[in-house]
């Protein structure tokens, strides 16, 4: 029975981390996001180990299993809902960063063209010197 309560507690912790991940994405705090993702991965591994324990204890339990399954199912659906929103926010953040990088690369290219007055962009690749007198 202890594994059942540990599983519920573990799922609550995963949900809390998922909510914190969403907030980190909204704040565009990538370092906090990576740290939270690592903690979440560790909790998910722990959850897998708890599942193995629960399967062992499952056979001796008759009643109470269905209520436990229902509670786990509800928590997983809530985690999934918030996780999908976090994934959407991550994709948006990624595309925003890609756009900023493209803008910076364009600005860099323009700056280079203005800094090099004898470059190919300003003179078409060469000079013509008229030596006739």
N, C-alpha and C. Protein backbone atom coordinates (compact mmCIF):
# COMPACT_ATOMS: atom_id res chain seq x y z
N UNK A 1 0.82 -1.19 0.00
CA UNK A 1 0.00 0.00 0.00
C UNK A 1 0.87 1.26 0.00
N UNK A 2 2.07 1.13 0.52
CA UNK A 2 2.98 2.26 0.56
C UNK A 2 3.37 2.70 -0.85
N UNK A 3 3.55 1.76 -1.74
CA UNK A 3 3.91 2.09 -3.12
C UNK A 3 2.81 2.89 -3.81
N UNK A 4 1.56 2.60 -3.45
CA UNK A 4 0.44 3.33 -4.04
C UNK A 4 0.49 4.81 -3.65
N UNK A 5 0.70 5.09 -2.38
CA UNK A 5 0.76 6.49 -1.93
C UNK A 5 2.01 7.18 -2.48
N UNK A 6 3.12 6.45 -2.60
CA UNK A 6 4.33 7.02 -3.20
C UNK A 6 4.09 7.39 -4.66
N UNK A 7 3.36 6.55 -5.36
CA UNK A 7 3.05 6.80 -6.77
C UNK A 7 2.24 8.09 -6.91
N UNK A 8 1.23 8.26 -6.08
CA UNK A 8 0.39 9.46 -6.13
C UNK A 8 1.24 10.70 -5.80
N UNK A 9 2.07 10.59 -4.77
CA UNK A 9 2.95 11.71 -4.39
C UNK A 9 3.91 12.04 -5.52
N UNK A 10 4.46 11.03 -6.15
CA UNK A 10 5.38 11.22 -7.28
C UNK A 10 4.68 11.93 -8.44
N UNK A 11 3.46 11.54 -8.72
CA UNK A 11 2.71 12.18 -9.80
C UNK A 11 2.41 13.64 -9.46
N UNK A 12 2.14 13.92 -8.19
CA UNK A 12 1.92 15.31 -7.76
C UNK A 12 3.18 16.14 -7.98
N UNK A 13 4.34 15.57 -7.68
CA UNK A 13 5.61 16.27 -7.88
C UNK A 13 5.87 16.52 -9.37
N UNK A 14 5.56 15.53 -10.19
CA UNK A 14 5.73 15.69 -11.65
C UNK A 14 4.82 16.81 -12.15
N UNK A 15 3.59 16.85 -11.66
CA UNK A 15 2.66 17.91 -12.06
C UNK A 15 3.19 19.28 -11.64
N UNK A 16 3.70 19.39 -10.42
CA UNK A 16 4.24 20.66 -9.94
C UNK A 16 5.42 21.11 -10.81
N UNK A 17 6.30 20.18 -11.16
CA UNK A 17 7.43 20.52 -12.03
C UNK A 17 6.98 20.93 -13.42
N UNK A 18 5.94 20.27 -13.92
CA UNK A 18 5.41 20.62 -15.25
C UNK A 18 4.87 22.04 -15.24
N UNK A 19 4.18 22.42 -14.17
CA UNK A 19 3.66 23.78 -14.05
C UNK A 19 4.81 24.79 -13.96
N UNK A 20 5.87 24.44 -13.23
CA UNK A 20 7.03 25.33 -13.14
C UNK A 20 7.73 25.45 -14.49
N UNK A 21 7.73 24.36 -15.26
CA UNK A 21 8.33 24.40 -16.59
C UNK A 21 7.57 25.36 -17.49
N UNK A 22 6.25 25.36 -17.39
CA UNK A 22 5.44 26.29 -18.18
C UNK A 22 5.79 27.74 -17.82
N UNK A 23 5.95 28.00 -16.53
CA UNK A 23 6.29 29.35 -16.10
C UNK A 23 7.69 29.74 -16.60
N UNK A 24 8.63 28.82 -16.56
CA UNK A 24 9.98 29.09 -17.07
C UNK A 24 9.94 29.39 -18.56
N UNK A 25 9.10 28.69 -19.30
CA UNK A 25 8.96 28.94 -20.73
C UNK A 25 8.35 30.31 -20.99
N UNK A 26 7.36 30.67 -20.19
CA UNK A 26 6.74 31.99 -20.36
C UNK A 26 7.75 33.10 -20.06
N UNK A 27 8.63 32.86 -19.09
CA UNK A 27 9.65 33.85 -18.72
C UNK A 27 10.89 33.75 -19.62
N UNK A 28 10.91 32.78 -20.53
CA UNK A 28 12.03 32.52 -21.43
C UNK A 28 13.32 32.26 -20.66
N UNK A 29 13.19 31.56 -19.54
CA UNK A 29 14.33 31.20 -18.69
C UNK A 29 14.76 29.78 -19.05
N UNK A 30 15.65 29.67 -20.02
CA UNK A 30 16.04 28.37 -20.57
C UNK A 30 16.84 27.55 -19.55
N UNK A 31 17.70 28.20 -18.77
CA UNK A 31 18.50 27.44 -17.79
C UNK A 31 17.60 26.81 -16.73
N UNK A 32 16.59 27.55 -16.25
CA UNK A 32 15.65 26.99 -15.28
C UNK A 32 14.85 25.86 -15.91
N UNK A 33 14.49 26.04 -17.17
CA UNK A 33 13.73 25.00 -17.88
C UNK A 33 14.53 23.70 -17.96
N UNK A 34 15.80 23.80 -18.30
CA UNK A 34 16.64 22.60 -18.40
C UNK A 34 16.79 21.91 -17.05
N UNK A 35 16.95 22.70 -16.01
CA UNK A 35 17.08 22.14 -14.66
C UNK A 35 15.79 21.42 -14.25
N UNK A 36 14.65 22.05 -14.52
CA UNK A 36 13.37 21.44 -14.18
C UNK A 36 13.12 20.17 -15.01
N UNK A 37 13.52 20.20 -16.27
CA UNK A 37 13.33 19.02 -17.13
C UNK A 37 14.15 17.84 -16.61
N UNK A 38 15.35 18.11 -16.11
CA UNK A 38 16.18 17.03 -15.56
C UNK A 38 15.55 16.46 -14.28
N UNK A 39 15.05 17.32 -13.42
CA UNK A 39 14.38 16.85 -12.20
C UNK A 39 13.15 16.01 -12.56
N UNK A 40 12.43 16.47 -13.57
CA UNK A 40 11.22 15.75 -14.00
C UNK A 40 11.58 14.38 -14.55
N UNK A 41 12.67 14.32 -15.32
CA UNK A 41 13.11 13.03 -15.87
C UNK A 41 13.44 12.05 -14.75
N UNK A 42 14.09 12.55 -13.70
CA UNK A 42 14.42 11.69 -12.56
C UNK A 42 13.16 11.19 -11.87
N UNK A 43 12.17 12.06 -11.73
CA UNK A 43 10.90 11.64 -11.11
C UNK A 43 10.19 10.60 -11.98
N UNK A 44 10.29 10.75 -13.28
CA UNK A 44 9.64 9.79 -14.17
C UNK A 44 10.32 8.43 -14.07
N UNK A 45 11.64 8.42 -13.93
CA UNK A 45 12.34 7.15 -13.74
C UNK A 45 11.92 6.50 -12.42
N UNK A 46 11.78 7.33 -11.39
CA UNK A 46 11.32 6.82 -10.09
C UNK A 46 9.91 6.25 -10.21
N UNK A 47 9.09 6.90 -11.01
CA UNK A 47 7.72 6.45 -11.22
C UNK A 47 7.69 5.07 -11.88
N UNK A 48 8.61 4.83 -12.81
CA UNK A 48 8.68 3.53 -13.46
C UNK A 48 9.04 2.43 -12.46
N UNK A 49 9.96 2.74 -11.55
CA UNK A 49 10.33 1.77 -10.52
C UNK A 49 9.15 1.50 -9.58
N UNK A 50 8.40 2.55 -9.27
CA UNK A 50 7.22 2.38 -8.43
C UNK A 50 6.17 1.51 -9.13
N UNK A 51 6.06 1.66 -10.43
CA UNK A 51 5.11 0.83 -11.18
C UNK A 51 5.43 -0.65 -11.03
N UNK A 52 6.72 -0.97 -11.04
CA UNK A 52 7.12 -2.37 -10.87
C UNK A 52 6.74 -2.87 -9.49
N UNK A 53 6.93 -2.06 -8.47
CA UNK A 53 6.53 -2.43 -7.11
C UNK A 53 5.03 -2.62 -7.00
N UNK A 54 4.31 -1.73 -7.62
CA UNK A 54 2.84 -1.78 -7.56
C UNK A 54 2.33 -3.05 -8.23
N UNK A 55 2.94 -3.44 -9.34
CA UNK A 55 2.51 -4.66 -10.02
C UNK A 55 2.68 -5.88 -9.12
N UNK A 56 3.74 -5.86 -8.30
CA UNK A 56 3.95 -6.97 -7.37
C UNK A 56 2.87 -6.98 -6.28
N UNK A 57 2.51 -5.80 -5.79
CA UNK A 57 1.51 -5.70 -4.72
C UNK A 57 0.08 -5.85 -5.25
N UNK A 58 -0.08 -5.67 -6.53
CA UNK A 58 -1.39 -5.66 -7.17
C UNK A 58 -2.17 -6.95 -6.93
N UNK A 59 -1.48 -8.07 -7.03
CA UNK A 59 -2.16 -9.36 -6.98
C UNK A 59 -2.87 -9.59 -5.65
N UNK A 60 -2.31 -9.10 -4.58
CA UNK A 60 -2.92 -9.32 -3.27
C UNK A 60 -4.08 -8.39 -2.98
N UNK A 61 -4.29 -7.40 -3.80
CA UNK A 61 -5.35 -6.41 -3.54
C UNK A 61 -6.56 -6.70 -4.41
N UNK A 62 -7.69 -6.66 -3.81
CA UNK A 62 -8.91 -6.84 -4.59
C UNK A 62 -9.62 -5.52 -4.77
N UNK A 63 -10.03 -4.95 -3.67
CA UNK A 63 -10.73 -3.67 -3.73
C UNK A 63 -9.73 -2.54 -3.55
N UNK A 64 -10.09 -1.39 -3.95
CA UNK A 64 -9.19 -0.25 -3.84
C UNK A 64 -8.32 -0.05 -5.07
N UNK A 65 -8.17 -1.11 -5.84
CA UNK A 65 -7.32 -1.00 -7.03
C UNK A 65 -7.97 -0.08 -8.06
N UNK A 66 -9.25 -0.22 -8.23
CA UNK A 66 -9.95 0.60 -9.23
C UNK A 66 -9.92 2.07 -8.87
N UNK A 67 -10.08 2.39 -7.59
CA UNK A 67 -10.04 3.80 -7.18
C UNK A 67 -8.62 4.35 -7.38
N UNK A 68 -7.62 3.52 -7.09
CA UNK A 68 -6.23 3.93 -7.32
C UNK A 68 -5.99 4.17 -8.80
N UNK A 69 -6.45 3.26 -9.65
CA UNK A 69 -6.28 3.41 -11.10
C UNK A 69 -6.93 4.70 -11.58
N UNK A 70 -8.12 4.99 -11.06
CA UNK A 70 -8.84 6.19 -11.47
C UNK A 70 -8.08 7.45 -11.05
N UNK A 71 -7.56 7.44 -9.83
CA UNK A 71 -6.81 8.59 -9.35
C UNK A 71 -5.55 8.81 -10.18
N UNK A 72 -4.84 7.74 -10.49
CA UNK A 72 -3.64 7.84 -11.32
C UNK A 72 -4.00 8.33 -12.71
N UNK A 73 -5.08 7.82 -13.27
CA UNK A 73 -5.52 8.22 -14.61
C UNK A 73 -5.82 9.73 -14.64
N UNK A 74 -6.52 10.23 -13.61
CA UNK A 74 -6.85 11.65 -13.57
C UNK A 74 -5.60 12.52 -13.48
N UNK A 75 -4.66 12.10 -12.65
CA UNK A 75 -3.42 12.87 -12.50
C UNK A 75 -2.63 12.86 -13.80
N UNK A 76 -2.57 11.71 -14.46
CA UNK A 76 -1.84 11.61 -15.72
C UNK A 76 -2.48 12.49 -16.80
N UNK A 77 -3.80 12.54 -16.84
CA UNK A 77 -4.47 13.39 -17.82
C UNK A 77 -4.18 14.87 -17.56
N UNK A 78 -4.14 15.25 -16.28
CA UNK A 78 -3.83 16.64 -15.94
C UNK A 78 -2.38 16.97 -16.32
N UNK A 79 -1.47 16.04 -16.02
CA UNK A 79 -0.07 16.24 -16.39
C UNK A 79 0.06 16.36 -17.91
N UNK A 80 -0.64 15.51 -18.64
CA UNK A 80 -0.57 15.52 -20.09
C UNK A 80 -1.08 16.84 -20.66
N UNK A 81 -2.16 17.36 -20.08
CA UNK A 81 -2.72 18.62 -20.55
C UNK A 81 -1.70 19.75 -20.39
N UNK A 82 -1.09 19.84 -19.22
CA UNK A 82 -0.11 20.89 -18.97
C UNK A 82 1.17 20.66 -19.78
N UNK A 83 1.53 19.41 -19.98
CA UNK A 83 2.72 19.08 -20.76
C UNK A 83 2.54 19.50 -22.21
N UNK A 84 1.37 19.29 -22.76
CA UNK A 84 1.11 19.70 -24.14
C UNK A 84 1.19 21.22 -24.27
N UNK A 85 0.68 21.93 -23.27
CA UNK A 85 0.78 23.39 -23.31
C UNK A 85 2.24 23.83 -23.20
N UNK A 86 3.01 23.16 -22.35
CA UNK A 86 4.43 23.47 -22.21
C UNK A 86 5.16 23.20 -23.53
N UNK A 87 4.81 22.14 -24.21
CA UNK A 87 5.43 21.82 -25.51
C UNK A 87 5.09 22.90 -26.54
N UNK A 88 3.86 23.38 -26.50
CA UNK A 88 3.46 24.45 -27.41
C UNK A 88 4.27 25.72 -27.12
N UNK A 89 4.43 26.05 -25.85
CA UNK A 89 5.22 27.21 -25.47
C UNK A 89 6.69 27.05 -25.87
N UNK A 90 7.21 25.84 -25.75
CA UNK A 90 8.60 25.57 -26.14
C UNK A 90 8.79 25.75 -27.64
N UNK A 91 7.83 25.27 -28.43
CA UNK A 91 7.92 25.46 -29.88
C UNK A 91 7.87 26.94 -30.25
N UNK A 92 7.02 27.70 -29.55
CA UNK A 92 6.93 29.14 -29.80
C UNK A 92 8.24 29.83 -29.43
N UNK A 93 8.80 29.48 -28.29
CA UNK A 93 10.08 30.06 -27.86
C UNK A 93 11.18 29.73 -28.87
N UNK A 94 11.19 28.50 -29.35
CA UNK A 94 12.19 28.07 -30.33
C UNK A 94 12.06 28.88 -31.62
N UNK A 95 10.85 29.07 -32.10
CA UNK A 95 10.67 29.83 -33.34
C UNK A 95 11.02 31.30 -33.13
N UNK A 96 10.73 31.85 -31.94
CA UNK A 96 11.12 33.24 -31.64
C UNK A 96 12.64 33.38 -31.66
N UNK A 97 13.32 32.43 -31.06
CA UNK A 97 14.79 32.47 -31.03
C UNK A 97 15.35 32.33 -32.44
N UNK A 98 14.76 31.43 -33.24
CA UNK A 98 15.20 31.30 -34.63
C UNK A 98 15.05 32.62 -35.38
N UNK A 99 13.93 33.31 -35.15
CA UNK A 99 13.70 34.60 -35.80
C UNK A 99 14.72 35.64 -35.38
N UNK A 100 15.05 35.66 -34.09
CA UNK A 100 16.06 36.61 -33.60
C UNK A 100 17.42 36.32 -34.22
N UNK A 101 17.76 35.05 -34.34
CA UNK A 101 19.04 34.67 -34.94
C UNK A 101 19.08 35.10 -36.41
N UNK A 102 17.99 34.90 -37.12
CA UNK A 102 17.94 35.32 -38.53
C UNK A 102 18.10 36.83 -38.64
N UNK A 103 17.45 37.57 -37.75
CA UNK A 103 17.59 39.04 -37.76
C UNK A 103 19.03 39.46 -37.48
N UNK A 104 19.66 38.79 -36.53
CA UNK A 104 21.06 39.12 -36.20
C UNK A 104 21.99 38.80 -37.36
N UNK A 105 21.76 37.66 -38.01
CA UNK A 105 22.59 37.30 -39.16
C UNK A 105 22.43 38.31 -40.29
N UNK A 106 21.19 38.79 -40.50
CA UNK A 106 20.95 39.79 -41.54
C UNK A 106 21.66 41.10 -41.17
N UNK A 107 21.55 41.51 -39.91
CA UNK A 107 22.21 42.75 -39.47
C UNK A 107 23.72 42.62 -39.60
N UNK A 108 24.24 41.45 -39.31
CA UNK A 108 25.69 41.21 -39.44
C UNK A 108 26.12 41.35 -40.90
N UNK A 109 25.31 40.80 -41.79
CA UNK A 109 25.62 40.85 -43.22
C UNK A 109 25.58 42.30 -43.72
N UNK A 110 24.58 43.04 -43.30
CA UNK A 110 24.46 44.44 -43.73
C UNK A 110 25.63 45.26 -43.19
N UNK A 111 25.99 45.03 -41.93
CA UNK A 111 27.10 45.75 -41.32
C UNK A 111 28.40 45.47 -42.05
N UNK A 112 28.61 44.23 -42.41
CA UNK A 112 29.83 43.86 -43.15
C UNK A 112 29.90 44.58 -44.49
N UNK A 113 28.78 44.73 -45.16
CA UNK A 113 28.77 45.39 -46.47
C UNK A 113 29.10 46.87 -46.34
N UNK A 114 28.66 47.49 -45.26
CA UNK A 114 28.96 48.90 -45.07
C UNK A 114 30.38 49.12 -44.55
N UNK A 115 30.91 48.15 -43.83
CA UNK A 115 32.26 48.28 -43.29
C UNK A 115 33.34 48.10 -44.35
N UNK A 116 33.07 47.37 -45.40
CA UNK A 116 34.06 47.10 -46.44
C UNK A 116 33.71 47.92 -47.69
N UNK A 117 34.26 49.15 -47.79
CA UNK A 117 33.86 50.02 -48.91
C UNK A 117 34.34 49.51 -50.26
N UNK A 118 35.34 48.64 -50.29
CA UNK A 118 35.84 48.13 -51.56
C UNK A 118 35.36 46.71 -51.83
N UNK A 119 34.37 46.26 -51.10
CA UNK A 119 33.86 44.90 -51.26
C UNK A 119 33.08 44.74 -52.56
N UNK A 120 32.81 43.52 -52.89
CA UNK A 120 32.13 43.19 -54.13
C UNK A 120 30.73 43.78 -54.19
N UNK A 121 30.07 43.93 -53.05
CA UNK A 121 28.71 44.45 -53.03
C UNK A 121 28.66 45.91 -53.43
N UNK A 122 29.71 46.66 -53.12
CA UNK A 122 29.71 48.09 -53.41
C UNK A 122 30.23 48.42 -54.81
N UNK A 123 31.11 47.58 -55.35
CA UNK A 123 31.71 47.91 -56.64
C UNK A 123 31.54 46.82 -57.69
N UNK A 124 30.76 45.87 -57.46
CA UNK A 124 30.50 44.86 -58.47
C UNK A 124 31.67 43.93 -58.73
N UNK A 125 32.61 43.83 -57.84
CA UNK A 125 33.67 42.84 -57.97
C UNK A 125 34.99 43.36 -58.47
N UNK A 126 35.12 44.61 -58.87
CA UNK A 126 36.43 45.06 -59.33
C UNK A 126 36.44 46.53 -59.67
N UNK A 127 37.62 47.03 -60.12
CA UNK A 127 37.80 48.42 -60.50
C UNK A 127 38.27 48.49 -61.94
N UNK A 128 37.92 49.56 -62.58
CA UNK A 128 38.43 49.82 -63.93
C UNK A 128 39.25 51.10 -63.84
N UNK A 129 40.51 51.00 -64.25
CA UNK A 129 41.38 52.18 -64.23
C UNK A 129 41.67 52.55 -65.68
N UNK A 130 41.29 53.72 -66.04
CA UNK A 130 41.48 54.20 -67.40
C UNK A 130 42.88 54.79 -67.51
N UNK A 131 43.73 54.20 -68.36
CA UNK A 131 45.11 54.68 -68.51
C UNK A 131 45.30 55.54 -69.77
N UNK A 132 44.28 55.84 -70.42
CA UNK A 132 44.41 56.68 -71.62
C UNK A 132 44.71 58.12 -71.22
N UNK A 133 45.48 58.75 -72.09
CA UNK A 133 45.78 60.18 -71.83
C UNK A 133 45.16 61.05 -72.85
